Amino acid sequence: MLLLLQARGGLTAEEIARELEISVRTVHRDVEALSAAGIPIYAERGPAGGIRLVEGYRTRLTGMTAEEAEALFLSGLPGPAAELGLGTVVAAAQLKVLASLPAELRSRASRLVERFHLDASTWFHASEPVPHLGTISESVWEARRLEISYRREDGSVTRVLEPLGVVLKAGVWYLVARSDDQLRTYRVSRVLEARALDEGFARPEGFDLGAWWAESSAAYEREAPRLEAVVRLRNDALGRLAEAVGSRAVREAERVGSPDAEGRETLRINVEWPDEATGRFVAVASDVEVLEPARLRDEMLAVARAAVDRYSRP
């Protein structure tokens, strides 16, 4: 309760009860107990009232559990922090927290850093240059309009945006911004130029970046173009199929009928990005037979014939 009040300034008993999942009666009882223990906490009545701490009071960093200390040090990603210009800040903050911990927790936190490491990027994915991330993040923080030149497939465009947040997804930075009263997502590595403007803007009331990103990501995955294919393969080839079309596609595939005389199963599977389906299935053609659609079979056959023709030459 003290940490909540310290972080938010003041809360009603109902808000505290909801946040801590306790009853309002328990909140009032705990306030009385804290006050009796010498904590400068008080309650104000009326529409603008609530429970508050005396201005300037700060509780010390105490009561941290071993799991909390470990999680804190596991959460510091040096690469992304450095890209945001916060690498030294994160290191300094961790050092200060480490110094304030009891000896046992300090030992556990240090051991965690020695034995666990988080790498947010994917395999074979070089870090994208994001030279304008600092300007973008500062505009987000200061709620200043931002002018960017952005690279698209058909050339570059210039936009004036109201930047609302930055998101790191699988090692790639994205900017969430409002443009023409619509929320849009921009890949930061495609920003060619960025200039912070002097003009501020009002953030949308109640905007929750995490919730919006989760909803937007789910909608993107739902609306991504897909190709339905029927394939036949042995169980021991499921791993290779998952590498080609994605583990989720294989996990959500529908089994059709019973295995044939050779023990092969037939699956109805949805593959994202139809334009890439031919190459993906050609890569596993020795283990996976495509039955439908006929167009995909024809395209695979054309690729196979071209390969045979090329490699049959002296």
C-alpha atoms as a PDB file:
ATOM      1  CA  MET A   1       0.000   0.000   0.000  1.00  0.00           C
ATOM      2  CA  LEU A   2       2.844   2.384   0.833  1.00  0.00           C
ATOM      3  CA  LEU A   3       4.520   1.749  -2.526  1.00  0.00           C
ATOM      4  CA  LEU A   4       1.221   2.334  -4.375  1.00  0.00           C
ATOM      5  CA  LEU A   5       0.624   5.638  -2.588  1.00  0.00           C
ATOM      6  CA  GLN A   6       4.226   6.686  -3.077  1.00  0.00           C
ATOM      7  CA  ALA A   7       4.036   5.988  -6.815  1.00  0.00           C
ATOM      8  CA  ARG A   8       0.580   7.483  -7.492  1.00  0.00           C
ATOM      9  CA  GLY A   9       0.259  10.276  -4.953  1.00  0.00           C
ATOM     10  CA  GLY A  10      -3.140   9.356  -3.580  1.00  0.00           C
ATOM     11  CA  LEU A  11      -5.868   6.747  -4.056  1.00  0.00           C
ATOM     12  CA  THR A  12      -9.336   6.098  -2.733  1.00  0.00           C
ATOM     13  CA  ALA A  13      -9.926   3.136  -0.441  1.00  0.00           C
ATOM     14  CA  GLU A  14     -11.890   1.457  -3.248  1.00  0.00           C
ATOM     15  CA  GLU A  15      -8.991   1.874  -5.707  1.00  0.00           C
ATOM     16  CA  ILE A  16      -6.498   0.435  -3.226  1.00  0.00           C
ATOM     17  CA  ALA A  17      -8.816  -2.477  -2.446  1.00  0.00           C
ATOM     18  CA  ARG A  18      -9.212  -3.239  -6.152  1.00  0.00           C
ATOM     19  CA  GLU A  19      -5.468  -2.987  -6.830  1.00  0.00           C
ATOM     20  CA  LEU A  20      -4.440  -5.197  -3.891  1.00  0.00           C
ATOM     21  CA  GLU A  21      -7.472  -7.523  -4.135  1.00  0.00           C
ATOM     22  CA  ILE A  22      -8.548  -6.930  -0.542  1.00  0.00           C
ATOM     23  CA  SER A  23     -11.676  -5.494   1.061  1.00  0.00           C
ATOM     24  CA  VAL A  24     -12.269  -1.786   1.723  1.00  0.00           C
ATOM     25  CA  ARG A  25     -12.575  -2.614   5.429  1.00  0.00           C
ATOM     26  CA  THR A  26      -9.083  -4.149   5.320  1.00  0.00           C
ATOM     27  CA  VAL A  27      -7.739  -0.996   3.670  1.00  0.00           C
ATOM     28  CA  HIS A  28      -9.081   1.218   6.484  1.00  0.00           C
ATOM     29  CA  ARG A  29      -7.768  -1.168   9.128  1.00  0.00           C
ATOM     30  CA  ASP A  30      -4.300  -1.198   7.524  1.00  0.00           C
ATOM     31  CA  VAL A  31      -4.264   2.617   7.285  1.00  0.00           C
ATOM     32  CA  GLU A  32      -4.966   2.805  11.014  1.00  0.00           C
ATOM     33  CA  ALA A  33      -2.204   0.263  11.726  1.00  0.00           C
ATOM     34  CA  LEU A  34       0.319   2.168   9.577  1.00  0.00           C
ATOM     35  CA  SER A  35      -0.581   5.453  11.241  1.00  0.00           C
ATOM     36  CA  ALA A  36      -0.199   3.874  14.684  1.00  0.00           C
ATOM     37  CA  ALA A  37       3.249   2.615  13.608  1.00  0.00           C
ATOM     38  CA  GLY A  38       4.370   6.187  12.894  1.00  0.00           C
ATOM     39  CA  ILE A  39       3.889   6.262   9.099  1.00  0.00           C
ATOM     40  CA  PRO A  40       2.677   9.738   7.994  1.00  0.00           C
ATOM     41  CA  ILE A  41      -0.459   8.478   6.243  1.00  0.00           C
ATOM     42  CA  TYR A  42      -3.854  10.170   6.364  1.00  0.00           C
ATOM     43  CA  ALA A  43      -7.313  10.028   4.784  1.00  0.00           C
ATOM     44  CA  GLU A  44      -9.249  12.975   3.323  1.00  0.00           C
ATOM     45  CA  ARG A  45     -13.021  12.985   2.945  1.00  0.00           C
ATOM     46  CA  GLY A  46     -15.017  14.477   0.095  1.00  0.00           C
ATOM     47  CA  PRO A  47     -15.130  14.146  -3.714  1.00  0.00           C
ATOM     48  CA  ALA A  48     -11.420  14.972  -4.091  1.00  0.00           C
ATOM     49  CA  GLY A  49     -10.412  12.988  -1.033  1.00  0.00           C
ATOM     50  CA  GLY A  50      -8.548   9.762  -0.620  1.00  0.00           C
ATOM     51  CA  ILE A  51      -5.692   8.148   1.230  1.00  0.00           C
ATOM     52  CA  ARG A  52      -2.342   9.895   0.977  1.00  0.00           C
ATOM     53  CA  LEU A  53       1.152  10.075   2.385  1.00  0.00           C
ATOM     54  CA  VAL A  54       2.531  13.324   3.779  1.00  0.00           C
ATOM     55  CA  GLU A  55       4.295  15.192   0.976  1.00  0.00           C
ATOM     56  CA  GLY A  56       7.955  14.207   0.700  1.00  0.00           C
ATOM     57  CA  TYR A  57       7.702  10.916   2.606  1.00  0.00           C
ATOM     58  CA  ARG A  58       9.502   8.011   0.933  1.00  0.00           C
ATOM     59  CA  THR A  59       9.696   4.439   2.094  1.00  0.00           C
ATOM     60  CA  ARG A  60      13.061   2.706   1.739  1.00  0.00           C
ATOM     61  CA  LEU A  61      13.632  -0.182  -0.683  1.00  0.00           C
ATOM     62  CA  THR A  62      12.855  -2.982   1.756  1.00  0.00           C
ATOM     63  CA  GLY A  63      10.892  -6.193   1.698  1.00  0.00           C
ATOM     64  CA  MET A  64      12.173  -7.310  -1.717  1.00  0.00           C
ATOM     65  CA  THR A  65      11.974 -11.068  -2.114  1.00  0.00           C
ATOM     66  CA  ALA A  66      14.609 -13.274  -3.734  1.00  0.00           C
ATOM     67  CA  GLU A  67      12.350 -13.835  -6.770  1.00  0.00           C
ATOM     68  CA  GLU A  68      11.762 -10.084  -7.174  1.00  0.00           C
ATOM     69  CA  ALA A  69      15.489  -9.359  -7.052  1.00  0.00           C
ATOM     70  CA  GLU A  70      16.190 -12.049  -9.652  1.00  0.00           C
ATOM     71  CA  ALA A  71      13.413 -10.833 -11.960  1.00  0.00           C
ATOM     72  CA  LEU A  72      14.683  -7.256 -11.729  1.00  0.00           C
ATOM     73  CA  PHE A  73      18.149  -8.194 -12.937  1.00  0.00           C
ATOM     74  CA  LEU A  74      16.818 -10.556 -15.613  1.00  0.00           C
ATOM     75  CA  SER A  75      14.702  -7.745 -17.067  1.00  0.00           C
ATOM     76  CA  GLY A  76      17.620  -5.494 -17.982  1.00  0.00           C
ATOM     77  CA  LEU A  77      18.263  -5.971 -21.718  1.00  0.00           C
ATOM     78  CA  PRO A  78      21.559  -4.165 -22.471  1.00  0.00           C
ATOM     79  CA  GLY A  79      21.118  -4.116 -26.260  1.00  0.00           C
ATOM     80  CA  PRO A  80      17.696  -2.410 -26.424  1.00  0.00           C
ATOM     81  CA  ALA A  81      18.603  -0.108 -23.531  1.00  0.00           C
ATOM     82  CA  ALA A  82      21.736   0.989 -25.373  1.00  0.00           C
ATOM     83  CA  GLU A  83      19.735   1.643 -28.566  1.00  0.00           C
ATOM     84  CA  LEU A  84      17.462   3.906 -26.535  1.00  0.00           C
ATOM     85  CA  GLY A  85      20.509   5.652 -25.089  1.00  0.00           C
ATOM     86  CA  LEU A  86      19.876   4.184 -21.644  1.00  0.00           C
ATOM     87  CA  GLY A  87      22.614   1.562 -21.431  1.00  0.00           C
ATOM     88  CA  THR A  88      24.644   3.335 -18.760  1.00  0.00           C
ATOM     89  CA  VAL A  89      21.467   4.355 -16.912  1.00  0.00           C
ATOM     90  CA  VAL A  90      20.286   0.741 -16.636  1.00  0.00           C
ATOM     91  CA  ALA A  91      23.722  -0.383 -15.485  1.00  0.00           C
ATOM     92  CA  ALA A  92      23.861   2.372 -12.849  1.00  0.00           C
ATOM     93  CA  ALA A  93      20.344   1.582 -11.597  1.00  0.00           C
ATOM     94  CA  GLN A  94      21.145  -2.103 -11.250  1.00  0.00           C
ATOM     95  CA  LEU A  95      24.353  -1.266  -9.395  1.00  0.00           C
ATOM     96  CA  LYS A  96      22.465   0.955  -6.915  1.00  0.00           C
ATOM     97  CA  VAL A  97      19.782  -1.678  -6.320  1.00  0.00           C
ATOM     98  CA  LEU A  98      22.452  -4.349  -5.920  1.00  0.00           C
ATOM     99  CA  ALA A  99      24.232  -2.264  -3.290  1.00  0.00           C
ATOM    100  CA  SER A 100      21.006  -1.785  -1.310  1.00  0.00           C
ATOM    101  CA  LEU A 101      20.105  -5.478  -1.176  1.00  0.00           C
ATOM    102  CA  PRO A 102      20.908  -7.742   1.770  1.00  0.00           C
ATOM    103  CA  ALA A 103      23.910 -10.013   1.260  1.00  0.00           C
ATOM    104  CA  GLU A 104      21.864 -13.128   0.401  1.00  0.00           C
ATOM    105  CA  LEU A 105      19.716 -11.370  -2.201  1.00  0.00           C
ATOM    106  CA  ARG A 106      22.794  -9.636  -3.617  1.00  0.00           C
ATOM    107  CA  SER A 107      24.421 -13.035  -4.096  1.00  0.00           C
ATOM    108  CA  ARG A 108      21.334 -14.486  -5.809  1.00  0.00           C
ATOM    109  CA  ALA A 109      20.975 -11.495  -8.148  1.00  0.00           C
ATOM    110  CA  SER A 110      24.658 -11.614  -9.115  1.00  0.00           C
ATOM    111  CA  ARG A 111      24.466 -15.356  -9.721  1.00  0.00           C
ATOM    112  CA  LEU A 112      21.452 -14.876 -11.982  1.00  0.00           C
ATOM    113  CA  VAL A 113      23.320 -12.403 -14.210  1.00  0.00           C
ATOM    114  CA  GLU A 114      26.225 -14.861 -14.439  1.00  0.00           C
ATOM    115  CA  ARG A 115      24.035 -17.799 -15.478  1.00  0.00           C
ATOM    116  CA  PHE A 116      21.104 -16.408 -17.489  1.00  0.00           C
ATOM    117  CA  HIS A 117      21.082 -14.097 -20.483  1.00  0.00           C
ATOM    118  CA  LEU A 118      18.162 -12.772 -22.534  1.00  0.00           C
ATOM    119  CA  ASP A 119      18.700 -12.284 -26.282  1.00  0.00           C
ATOM    120  CA  ALA A 120      15.610 -10.637 -27.769  1.00  0.00           C
ATOM    121  CA  SER A 121      16.568 -11.007 -31.437  1.00  0.00           C
ATOM    122  CA  THR A 122      15.863 -14.034 -33.621  1.00  0.00           C
ATOM    123  CA  TRP A 123      18.429 -16.323 -35.256  1.00  0.00           C
ATOM    124  CA  PHE A 124      20.164 -15.088 -38.412  1.00  0.00           C
ATOM    125  CA  HIS A 125      18.675 -11.669 -37.848  1.00  0.00           C
ATOM    126  CA  ALA A 126      21.270  -8.939 -37.797  1.00  0.00           C
ATOM    127  CA  SER A 127      20.462  -5.957 -35.635  1.00  0.00           C
ATOM    128  CA  GLU A 128      18.720  -3.315 -37.743  1.00  0.00           C
ATOM    129  CA  PRO A 129      20.285   0.152 -37.733  1.00  0.00           C
ATOM    130  CA  VAL A 130      17.974   2.594 -35.953  1.00  0.00           C
ATOM    131  CA  PRO A 131      19.866   5.914 -36.049  1.00  0.00           C
ATOM    132  CA  HIS A 132      16.705   7.945 -35.410  1.00  0.00           C
ATOM    133  CA  LEU A 133      15.428   5.952 -32.428  1.00  0.00           C
ATOM    134  CA  GLY A 134      16.772   8.553 -29.980  1.00  0.00           C
ATOM    135  CA  THR A 135      14.885  11.408 -31.667  1.00  0.00           C
ATOM    136  CA  ILE A 136      11.742   9.297 -31.882  1.00  0.00           C
ATOM    137  CA  SER A 137      11.820   8.178 -28.254  1.00  0.00           C
ATOM    138  CA  GLU A 138      12.456  11.743 -27.055  1.00  0.00           C
ATOM    139  CA  SER A 139       9.431  12.956 -29.023  1.00  0.00           C
ATOM    140  CA  VAL A 140       7.345  10.173 -27.477  1.00  0.00           C
ATOM    141  CA  TRP A 141       8.524  11.152 -23.996  1.00  0.00           C
ATOM    142  CA  GLU A 142       7.982  14.886 -24.479  1.00  0.00           C
ATOM    143  CA  ALA A 143       4.659  14.442 -26.390  1.00  0.00           C
ATOM    144  CA  ARG A 144       5.996  16.521 -29.298  1.00  0.00           C
ATOM    145  CA  ARG A 145       4.902  16.137 -32.907  1.00  0.00           C
ATOM    146  CA  LEU A 146       7.423  14.385 -35.121  1.00  0.00           C
ATOM    147  CA  GLU A 147       8.179  14.783 -38.825  1.00  0.00           C
ATOM    148  CA  ILE A 148       9.616  11.698 -40.491  1.00  0.00           C
ATOM    149  CA  SER A 149      10.653  10.578 -43.939  1.00  0.00           C
ATOM    150  CA  TYR A 150       9.617   6.929 -44.225  1.00  0.00           C
ATOM    151  CA  ARG A 151      10.719   4.285 -46.740  1.00  0.00           C
ATOM    152  CA  ARG A 152       7.938   2.268 -48.365  1.00  0.00           C
ATOM    153  CA  GLU A 153       7.897  -0.297 -51.151  1.00  0.00           C
ATOM    154  CA  ASP A 154       6.847   2.372 -53.679  1.00  0.00           C
ATOM    155  CA  GLY A 155       9.297   5.044 -52.513  1.00  0.00           C
ATOM    156  CA  SER A 156       9.482   7.373 -49.529  1.00  0.00           C
ATOM    157  CA  VAL A 157       6.845   9.577 -47.940  1.00  0.00           C
ATOM    158  CA  THR A 158       6.925  12.427 -45.422  1.00  0.00           C
ATOM    159  CA  ARG A 159       4.556  12.356 -42.466  1.00  0.00           C
ATOM    160  CA  VAL A 160       3.880  14.547 -39.427  1.00  0.00           C
ATOM    161  CA  LEU A 161       2.990  12.222 -36.563  1.00  0.00           C
ATOM    162  CA  GLU A 162       1.858  12.314 -32.979  1.00  0.00           C
ATOM    163  CA  PRO A 163       4.182   9.653 -31.491  1.00  0.00           C
ATOM    164  CA  LEU A 164       2.527   7.653 -28.695  1.00  0.00           C
ATOM    165  CA  GLY A 165       5.026   4.889 -27.956  1.00  0.00           C
ATOM    166  CA  VAL A 166       7.841   2.621 -29.083  1.00  0.00           C
ATOM    167  CA  VAL A 167       7.711  -1.183 -28.968  1.00  0.00           C
ATOM    168  CA  LEU A 168      10.486  -3.775 -29.240  1.00  0.00           C
ATOM    169  CA  LYS A 169       9.183  -6.954 -30.908  1.00  0.00           C
ATOM    170  CA  ALA A 170      11.589  -9.866 -31.552  1.00  0.00           C
ATOM    171  CA  GLY A 171      14.555  -7.504 -31.838  1.00  0.00           C
ATOM    172  CA  VAL A 172      12.749  -5.015 -34.111  1.00  0.00           C
ATOM    173  CA  TRP A 173      11.729  -1.514 -32.984  1.00  0.00           C
ATOM    174  CA  TYR A 174       8.318  -0.114 -33.946  1.00  0.00           C
ATOM    175  CA  LEU A 175       6.805   3.339 -33.504  1.00  0.00           C
ATOM    176  CA  VAL A 176       3.114   3.628 -32.644  1.00  0.00           C
ATOM    177  CA  ALA A 177       1.821   7.033 -33.705  1.00  0.00           C
ATOM    178  CA  ARG A 178      -1.347   8.874 -34.599  1.00  0.00           C
ATOM    179  CA  SER A 179      -1.631  10.168 -38.154  1.00  0.00           C
ATOM    180  CA  ASP A 180      -4.789  11.743 -39.590  1.00  0.00           C
ATOM    181  CA  ASP A 181      -6.697  10.642 -36.468  1.00  0.00           C
ATOM    182  CA  GLN A 182      -5.690   7.001 -37.053  1.00  0.00           C
ATOM    183  CA  LEU A 183      -3.263   4.879 -35.033  1.00  0.00           C
ATOM    184  CA  ARG A 184      -0.533   3.399 -37.224  1.00  0.00           C
ATOM    185  CA  THR A 185       2.634   1.351 -36.749  1.00  0.00           C
ATOM    186  CA  TYR A 186       5.974   2.298 -38.340  1.00  0.00           C
ATOM    187  CA  ARG A 187       9.127   0.187 -38.443  1.00  0.00           C
ATOM    188  CA  VAL A 188      11.851   2.413 -36.992  1.00  0.00           C
ATOM    189  CA  SER A 189      14.600   1.014 -39.232  1.00  0.00           C
ATOM    190  CA  ARG A 190      12.675   2.375 -42.260  1.00  0.00           C
ATOM    191  CA  VAL A 191      12.727   5.943 -40.941  1.00  0.00           C
ATOM    192  CA  LEU A 192      15.118   7.823 -43.226  1.00  0.00           C
ATOM    193  CA  GLU A 193      14.948  11.147 -41.391  1.00  0.00           C
ATOM    194  CA  ALA A 194      13.325  12.307 -38.173  1.00  0.00           C
ATOM    195  CA  ARG A 195      12.867  15.824 -36.835  1.00  0.00           C
ATOM    196  CA  ALA A 196      11.206  16.700 -33.542  1.00  0.00           C
ATOM    197  CA  LEU A 197       8.852  19.674 -33.879  1.00  0.00           C
ATOM    198  CA  ASP A 198       8.213  22.344 -31.252  1.00  0.00           C
ATOM    199  CA  GLU A 199       4.471  21.713 -31.338  1.00  0.00           C
ATOM    200  CA  GLY A 200       3.071  19.479 -28.608  1.00  0.00           C
ATOM    201  CA  PHE A 201      -0.062  17.331 -28.699  1.00  0.00           C
ATOM    202  CA  ALA A 202      -2.548  15.775 -26.284  1.00  0.00           C
ATOM    203  CA  ARG A 203      -2.298  12.023 -25.893  1.00  0.00           C
ATOM    204  CA  PRO A 204      -5.565  10.074 -26.311  1.00  0.00           C
ATOM    205  CA  GLU A 205      -7.243   9.811 -22.934  1.00  0.00           C
ATOM    206  CA  GLY A 206      -6.783   6.377 -21.400  1.00  0.00           C
ATOM    207  CA  PHE A 207      -4.487   5.109 -24.159  1.00  0.00           C
ATOM    208  CA  ASP A 208      -2.763   1.889 -23.036  1.00  0.00           C
ATOM    209  CA  LEU A 209       0.213   1.099 -25.279  1.00  0.00           C
ATOM    210  CA  GLY A 210       0.568  -2.516 -24.109  1.00  0.00           C
ATOM    211  CA  ALA A 211      -3.122  -3.310 -24.545  1.00  0.00           C
ATOM    212  CA  TRP A 212      -3.280  -1.593 -27.953  1.00  0.00           C
ATOM    213  CA  TRP A 213      -0.179  -3.453 -29.182  1.00  0.00           C
ATOM    214  CA  ALA A 214      -1.557  -6.824 -28.063  1.00  0.00           C
ATOM    215  CA  GLU A 215      -4.865  -6.170 -29.827  1.00  0.00           C
ATOM    216  CA  SER A 216      -3.163  -4.820 -32.960  1.00  0.00           C
ATOM    217  CA  SER A 217      -0.778  -7.798 -33.127  1.00  0.00           C
ATOM    218  CA  ALA A 218      -3.650 -10.261 -32.768  1.00  0.00           C
ATOM    219  CA  ALA A 219      -5.618  -8.482 -35.516  1.00  0.00           C
ATOM    220  CA  TYR A 220      -2.564  -8.496 -37.800  1.00  0.00           C
ATOM    221  CA  GLU A 221      -2.125 -12.240 -37.330  1.00  0.00           C
ATOM    222  CA  ARG A 222      -5.844 -12.871 -37.897  1.00  0.00           C
ATOM    223  CA  GLU A 223      -5.954 -10.785 -41.071  1.00  0.00           C
ATOM    224  CA  ALA A 224      -2.664 -11.961 -42.616  1.00  0.00           C
ATOM    225  CA  PRO A 225      -3.277 -13.626 -46.023  1.00  0.00           C
ATOM    226  CA  ARG A 226      -3.349 -17.420 -45.845  1.00  0.00           C
ATOM    227  CA  LEU A 227      -3.360 -20.391 -48.181  1.00  0.00           C
ATOM    228  CA  GLU A 228      -5.146 -23.601 -47.231  1.00  0.00           C
ATOM    229  CA  ALA A 229      -3.232 -26.695 -48.332  1.00  0.00           C
ATOM    230  CA  VAL A 230      -3.736 -30.423 -47.899  1.00  0.00           C
ATOM    231  CA  VAL A 231      -0.517 -32.368 -47.376  1.00  0.00           C
ATOM    232  CA  ARG A 232       0.511 -35.965 -46.688  1.00  0.00           C
ATOM    233  CA  LEU A 233       3.529 -36.958 -44.601  1.00  0.00           C
ATOM    234  CA  ARG A 234       4.884 -39.285 -41.959  1.00  0.00           C
ATOM    235  CA  ASN A 235       4.889 -38.267 -38.308  1.00  0.00           C
ATOM    236  CA  ASP A 236       8.684 -38.057 -38.255  1.00  0.00           C
ATOM    237  CA  ALA A 237       8.497 -35.285 -40.890  1.00  0.00           C
ATOM    238  CA  LEU A 238       6.329 -32.966 -38.780  1.00  0.00           C
ATOM    239  CA  GLY A 239       9.425 -31.193 -37.468  1.00  0.00           C
ATOM    240  CA  ARG A 240      10.660 -30.366 -40.969  1.00  0.00           C
ATOM    241  CA  LEU A 241       7.190 -29.159 -41.954  1.00  0.00           C
ATOM    242  CA  ALA A 242       7.093 -26.909 -38.876  1.00  0.00           C
ATOM    243  CA  GLU A 243      10.462 -25.406 -39.844  1.00  0.00           C
ATOM    244  CA  ALA A 244       9.089 -24.628 -43.313  1.00  0.00           C
ATOM    245  CA  VAL A 245       5.639 -23.215 -42.513  1.00  0.00           C
ATOM    246  CA  GLY A 246       5.781 -22.451 -38.775  1.00  0.00           C
ATOM    247  CA  SER A 247       5.085 -24.467 -35.674  1.00  0.00           C
ATOM    248  CA  ARG A 248       1.739 -22.787 -35.023  1.00  0.00           C
ATOM    249  CA  ALA A 249       0.439 -23.749 -38.472  1.00  0.00           C
ATOM    250  CA  VAL A 250       1.356 -27.380 -37.822  1.00  0.00           C
ATOM    251  CA  ARG A 251      -0.072 -27.293 -34.309  1.00  0.00           C
ATOM    252  CA  GLU A 252      -3.411 -25.942 -35.573  1.00  0.00           C
ATOM    253  CA  ALA A 253      -3.565 -28.245 -38.626  1.00  0.00           C
ATOM    254  CA  GLU A 254      -6.619 -30.488 -39.025  1.00  0.00           C
ATOM    255  CA  ARG A 255      -6.066 -34.220 -39.470  1.00  0.00           C
ATOM    256  CA  VAL A 256      -8.077 -35.615 -42.384  1.00  0.00           C
ATOM    257  CA  GLY A 257      -9.116 -39.265 -42.254  1.00  0.00           C
ATOM    258  CA  SER A 258      -6.887 -42.070 -41.025  1.00  0.00           C
ATOM    259  CA  PRO A 259      -3.228 -42.830 -41.838  1.00  0.00           C
ATOM    260  CA  ASP A 260      -2.737 -44.689 -45.144  1.00  0.00           C
ATOM    261  CA  ALA A 261      -1.143 -48.113 -45.598  1.00  0.00           C
ATOM    262  CA  GLU A 262       2.343 -46.553 -45.354  1.00  0.00           C
ATOM    263  CA  GLY A 263       1.508 -44.794 -42.085  1.00  0.00           C
ATOM    264  CA  ARG A 264       1.320 -41.341 -43.653  1.00  0.00           C
ATOM    265  CA  GLU A 265      -1.149 -38.795 -42.267  1.00  0.00           C
ATOM    266  CA  THR A 266      -3.123 -36.222 -44.237  1.00  0.00           C
ATOM    267  CA  LEU A 267      -3.287 -32.689 -42.808  1.00  0.00           C
ATOM    268  CA  ARG A 268      -5.283 -29.628 -43.786  1.00  0.00           C
ATOM    269  CA  ILE A 269      -3.015 -26.715 -42.964  1.00  0.00           C
ATOM    270  CA  ASN A 270      -3.208 -22.918 -43.255  1.00  0.00           C
ATOM    271  CA  VAL A 271       0.013 -21.296 -44.437  1.00  0.00           C
ATOM    272  CA  GLU A 272       0.609 -17.571 -44.041  1.00  0.00           C
ATOM    273  CA  TRP A 273       1.810 -15.463 -46.970  1.00  0.00           C
ATOM    274  CA  PRO A 274       0.665 -17.520 -50.006  1.00  0.00           C
ATOM    275  CA  ASP A 275       3.316 -15.956 -52.264  1.00  0.00           C
ATOM    276  CA  GLU A 276       5.994 -17.795 -50.278  1.00  0.00           C
ATOM    277  CA  ALA A 277       4.178 -21.156 -50.085  1.00  0.00           C
ATOM    278  CA  THR A 278       5.763 -22.685 -53.201  1.00  0.00           C
ATOM    279  CA  GLY A 279       9.325 -22.159 -51.985  1.00  0.00           C
ATOM    280  CA  ARG A 280       8.499 -23.373 -48.496  1.00  0.00           C
ATOM    281  CA  PHE A 281       6.951 -26.627 -49.686  1.00  0.00           C
ATOM    282  CA  VAL A 282       9.661 -27.212 -52.292  1.00  0.00           C
ATOM    283  CA  ALA A 283      12.161 -27.086 -49.426  1.00  0.00           C
ATOM    284  CA  VAL A 284      10.486 -30.107 -47.787  1.00  0.00           C
ATOM    285  CA  ALA A 285       9.280 -31.844 -50.955  1.00  0.00           C
ATOM    286  CA  SER A 286      11.235 -35.022 -50.191  1.00  0.00           C
ATOM    287  CA  ASP A 287       9.254 -35.502 -46.952  1.00  0.00           C
ATOM    288  CA  VAL A 288       5.949 -33.724 -47.560  1.00  0.00           C
ATOM    289  CA  GLU A 289       3.570 -34.331 -50.484  1.00  0.00           C
ATOM    290  CA  VAL A 290       1.177 -31.513 -51.369  1.00  0.00           C
ATOM    291  CA  LEU A 291      -2.237 -32.846 -52.453  1.00  0.00           C
ATOM    292  CA  GLU A 292      -4.164 -29.586 -52.775  1.00  0.00           C
ATOM    293  CA  PRO A 293      -4.522 -27.004 -54.193  1.00  0.00           C
ATOM    294  CA  ALA A 294      -3.694 -27.995 -57.759  1.00  0.00           C
ATOM    295  CA  ARG A 295      -2.157 -24.587 -58.461  1.00  0.00           C
ATOM    296  CA  LEU A 296       0.411 -25.076 -55.731  1.00  0.00           C
ATOM    297  CA  ARG A 297       1.265 -28.553 -57.062  1.00  0.00           C
ATOM    298  CA  ASP A 298       1.728 -27.115 -60.574  1.00  0.00           C
ATOM    299  CA  GLU A 299       4.012 -24.356 -59.288  1.00  0.00           C
ATOM    300  CA  MET A 300       6.114 -26.853 -57.332  1.00  0.00           C
ATOM    301  CA  LEU A 301       6.355 -29.109 -60.377  1.00  0.00           C
ATOM    302  CA  ALA A 302       7.528 -26.188 -62.515  1.00  0.00           C
ATOM    303  CA  VAL A 303      10.249 -25.355 -59.952  1.00  0.00           C
ATOM    304  CA  ALA A 304      11.315 -29.013 -59.784  1.00  0.00           C
ATOM    305  CA  ARG A 305      11.507 -29.354 -63.585  1.00  0.00           C
ATOM    306  CA  ALA A 306      13.540 -26.173 -63.856  1.00  0.00           C
ATOM    307  CA  ALA A 307      15.931 -27.481 -61.195  1.00  0.00           C
ATOM    308  CA  VAL A 308      16.283 -30.876 -62.930  1.00  0.00           C
ATOM    309  CA  ASP A 309      16.898 -29.149 -66.255  1.00  0.00           C
ATOM    310  CA  ARG A 310      19.555 -26.869 -64.781  1.00  0.00           C
ATOM    311  CA  TYR A 311      21.415 -29.556 -62.857  1.00  0.00           C
ATOM    312  CA  SER A 312      21.237 -32.132 -65.659  1.00  0.00           C
ATOM    313  CA  ARG A 313      23.553 -30.031 -67.813  1.00  0.00           C
ATOM    314  CA  PRO A 314      27.228 -31.038 -67.957  1.00  0.00           C
END
